[in-house]
C-alpha atoms as a PDB file:
ATOM      1  CA  MET A   1     -14.213 -30.292  33.811  1.00  0.00           C
ATOM      2  CA  TYR A   2     -11.087 -28.239  34.590  1.00  0.00           C
ATOM      3  CA  GLN A   3     -10.229 -27.859  30.883  1.00  0.00           C
ATOM      4  CA  ASN A   4     -13.724 -26.612  30.123  1.00  0.00           C
ATOM      5  CA  GLU A   5     -13.416 -23.862  32.746  1.00  0.00           C
ATOM      6  CA  GLN A   6     -10.162 -22.648  31.202  1.00  0.00           C
ATOM      7  CA  THR A   7     -11.653 -22.266  27.739  1.00  0.00           C
ATOM      8  CA  THR A   8     -14.704 -20.359  28.955  1.00  0.00           C
ATOM      9  CA  ASN A   9     -12.620 -17.949  31.081  1.00  0.00           C
ATOM     10  CA  GLY A  10     -10.299 -17.144  28.141  1.00  0.00           C
ATOM     11  CA  GLY A  11     -13.148 -15.739  26.032  1.00  0.00           C
ATOM     12  CA  GLY A  12     -13.182 -12.264  27.621  1.00  0.00           C
ATOM     13  CA  SER A  13     -11.558 -10.613  24.608  1.00  0.00           C
ATOM     14  CA  GLY A  14     -14.096 -12.239  22.291  1.00  0.00           C
ATOM     15  CA  PHE A  15     -16.914 -10.847  24.406  1.00  0.00           C
ATOM     16  CA  ALA A  16     -15.393  -7.356  24.302  1.00  0.00           C
ATOM     17  CA  MET A  17     -15.031  -7.602  20.522  1.00  0.00           C
ATOM     18  CA  GLY A  18     -18.668  -8.639  20.266  1.00  0.00           C
ATOM     19  CA  ILE A  19     -19.732  -5.645  22.349  1.00  0.00           C
ATOM     20  CA  LEU A  20     -17.664  -3.302  20.152  1.00  0.00           C
ATOM     21  CA  LEU A  21     -19.004  -4.725  16.889  1.00  0.00           C
ATOM     22  CA  GLY A  22     -22.556  -4.618  18.243  1.00  0.00           C
ATOM     23  CA  ALA A  23     -22.141  -0.977  19.223  1.00  0.00           C
ATOM     24  CA  LEU A  24     -20.803  -0.077  15.778  1.00  0.00           C
ATOM     25  CA  ALA A  25     -23.618  -1.935  14.034  1.00  0.00           C
ATOM     26  CA  GLY A  26     -26.162  -0.233  16.293  1.00  0.00           C
ATOM     27  CA  ALA A  27     -24.721   3.200  15.554  1.00  0.00           C
ATOM     28  CA  GLY A  28     -24.848   2.526  11.828  1.00  0.00           C
ATOM     29  CA  LEU A  29     -28.444   1.357  11.986  1.00  0.00           C
ATOM     30  CA  ALA A  30     -29.386   4.356  14.128  1.00  0.00           C
ATOM     31  CA  LEU A  31     -28.048   6.671  11.432  1.00  0.00           C
ATOM     32  CA  LEU A  32     -29.940   4.855   8.711  1.00  0.00           C
ATOM     33  CA  PHE A  33     -33.231   4.863  10.613  1.00  0.00           C
ATOM     34  CA  ALA A  34     -32.929   8.366  12.050  1.00  0.00           C
ATOM     35  CA  PRO A  35     -35.895  10.628  11.320  1.00  0.00           C
ATOM     36  CA  LYS A  36     -34.385  12.342   8.298  1.00  0.00           C
ATOM     37  CA  LYS A  37     -35.918  12.784   4.931  1.00  0.00           C
ATOM     38  CA  GLY A  38     -34.680  10.312   2.354  1.00  0.00           C
ATOM     39  CA  ALA A  39     -33.194  13.017   0.179  1.00  0.00           C
ATOM     40  CA  GLU A  40     -31.357  14.519   3.159  1.00  0.00           C
ATOM     41  CA  LEU A  41     -29.954  11.143   4.203  1.00  0.00           C
ATOM     42  CA  ARG A  42     -28.889  10.337   0.641  1.00  0.00           C
ATOM     43  CA  GLY A  43     -27.220  13.747   0.419  1.00  0.00           C
ATOM     44  CA  ASP A  44     -25.324  13.133   3.647  1.00  0.00           C
ATOM     45  CA  LEU A  45     -24.238   9.696   2.469  1.00  0.00           C
ATOM     46  CA  GLY A  46     -23.238  11.116  -0.920  1.00  0.00           C
ATOM     47  CA  GLU A  47     -21.096  13.809   0.719  1.00  0.00           C
ATOM     48  CA  THR A  48     -19.398  11.241   2.934  1.00  0.00           C
ATOM     49  CA  MET A  49     -18.720   8.903   0.027  1.00  0.00           C
ATOM     50  CA  GLY A  50     -17.424  11.835  -2.050  1.00  0.00           C
ATOM     51  CA  ALA A  51     -15.007  12.805   0.719  1.00  0.00           C
ATOM     52  CA  TRP A  52     -13.771   9.210   1.006  1.00  0.00           C
ATOM     53  CA  ARG A  53     -13.397   9.009  -2.780  1.00  0.00           C
ATOM     54  CA  ASP A  54     -11.373  12.253  -2.817  1.00  0.00           C
ATOM     55  CA  LYS A  55      -9.101  10.989  -0.031  1.00  0.00           C
ATOM     56  CA  ALA A  56      -8.560   7.689  -1.858  1.00  0.00           C
ATOM     57  CA  ALA A  57      -7.784   9.518  -5.113  1.00  0.00           C
ATOM     58  CA  GLN A  58      -5.257  11.725  -3.314  1.00  0.00           C
ATOM     59  CA  LYS A  59      -3.577   8.656  -1.770  1.00  0.00           C
ATOM     60  CA  VAL A  60      -3.365   6.999  -5.202  1.00  0.00           C
ATOM     61  CA  LYS A  61      -1.857  10.183  -6.662  1.00  0.00           C
ATOM     62  CA  ASP A  62       0.705  10.386  -3.846  1.00  0.00           C
ATOM     63  CA  VAL A  63       1.737   6.750  -4.308  1.00  0.00           C
ATOM     64  CA  THR A  64       1.893   7.150  -8.097  1.00  0.00           C
ATOM     65  CA  ASP A  65       4.047  10.268  -7.802  1.00  0.00           C
ATOM     66  CA  ARG A  66       6.380   8.566  -5.347  1.00  0.00           C
ATOM     67  CA  ALA A  67       6.625   5.461  -7.543  1.00  0.00           C
ATOM     68  CA  GLY A  68       7.328   7.598 -10.635  1.00  0.00           C
ATOM     69  CA  SER A  69      10.109   9.432  -8.824  1.00  0.00           C
ATOM     70  CA  GLN A  70      11.669   6.197  -7.651  1.00  0.00           C
ATOM     71  CA  LEU A  71      11.338   4.709 -11.137  1.00  0.00           C
ATOM     72  CA  GLY A  72      13.206   7.716 -12.561  1.00  0.00           C
ATOM     73  CA  ASP A  73      15.975   7.245  -9.991  1.00  0.00           C
ATOM     74  CA  LEU A  74      16.166   3.530 -10.800  1.00  0.00           C
ATOM     75  CA  SER A  75      16.343   4.246 -14.524  1.00  0.00           C
ATOM     76  CA  ALA A  76      19.200   6.714 -14.023  1.00  0.00           C
ATOM     77  CA  THR A  77      21.082   4.208 -11.868  1.00  0.00           C
ATOM     78  CA  ALA A  78      20.565   1.474 -14.466  1.00  0.00           C
ATOM     79  CA  GLY A  79      21.957   3.795 -17.153  1.00  0.00           C
ATOM     80  CA  ARG A  80      25.073   4.494 -15.080  1.00  0.00           C
ATOM     81  CA  VAL A  81      25.586   0.769 -14.438  1.00  0.00           C
ATOM     82  CA  LYS A  82      25.154  -0.008 -18.145  1.00  0.00           C
ATOM     83  CA  ASN A  83      27.732   2.616 -19.091  1.00  0.00           C
ATOM     84  CA  ALA A  84      30.176   1.349 -16.466  1.00  0.00           C
ATOM     85  CA  VAL A  85      29.787  -2.262 -17.639  1.00  0.00           C
ATOM     86  CA  SER A  86      30.194  -1.253 -21.289  1.00  0.00           C
ATOM     87  CA  SER A  87      33.304   0.782 -20.485  1.00  0.00           C
ATOM     88  CA  THR A  88      34.824  -2.049 -18.465  1.00  0.00           C
ATOM     89  CA  ALA A  89      34.059  -4.584 -21.194  1.00  0.00           C
ATOM     90  CA  ARG A  90      35.628  -2.280 -23.785  1.00  0.00           C
ATOM     91  CA  ASP A  91      38.732  -1.798 -21.614  1.00  0.00           C
ATOM     92  CA  MET A  92      39.063  -5.562 -21.110  1.00  0.00           C
ATOM     93  CA  SER A  93      38.681  -6.198 -24.832  1.00  0.00           C
ATOM     94  CA  ASP A  94      41.303  -3.568 -25.636  1.00  0.00           C
ATOM     95  CA  ALA A  95      43.667  -5.047 -23.040  1.00  0.00           C
ATOM     96  CA  ALA A  96      43.186  -8.538 -24.470  1.00  0.00           C
ATOM     97  CA  THR A  97      43.837  -7.263 -27.986  1.00  0.00           C
ATOM     98  CA  ASP A  98      46.981  -5.410 -26.878  1.00  0.00           C
ATOM     99  CA  SER A  99      48.194  -8.486 -24.996  1.00  0.00           C
ATOM    100  CA  SER A 100      47.709 -10.773 -27.994  1.00  0.00           C
ATOM    101  CA  ARG A 101      49.498  -8.279 -30.306  1.00  0.00           C
ATOM    102  CA  SER A 102      52.491  -8.011 -27.973  1.00  0.00           C
ATOM    103  CA  ARG A 103      52.915 -11.805 -27.926  1.00  0.00           C
ATOM    104  CA  MET A 104      53.201 -12.033 -31.674  1.00  0.00           C
END
């Protein structure tokens, strides 16, 4: 009996979430069933969706631009590393050749 009381008292946040979701659903339904002409409501919905689409497209462009910039930086860094490794390998090869010639 005591355990049952604990579980029912801990559900306050679930109740609040239910109230919030119910209020949002009610507001959405109120907009859909408001006394507007169908064409007017569709126009309003189209404008809203267009604005959301434009915002999403701008976010994608921002992320793409940022990724392209970072890719360019990474490519430049990789080029510098490649040149450094090639130079070091060449220096080591030359040193090994010189060392083997001096022993002969």
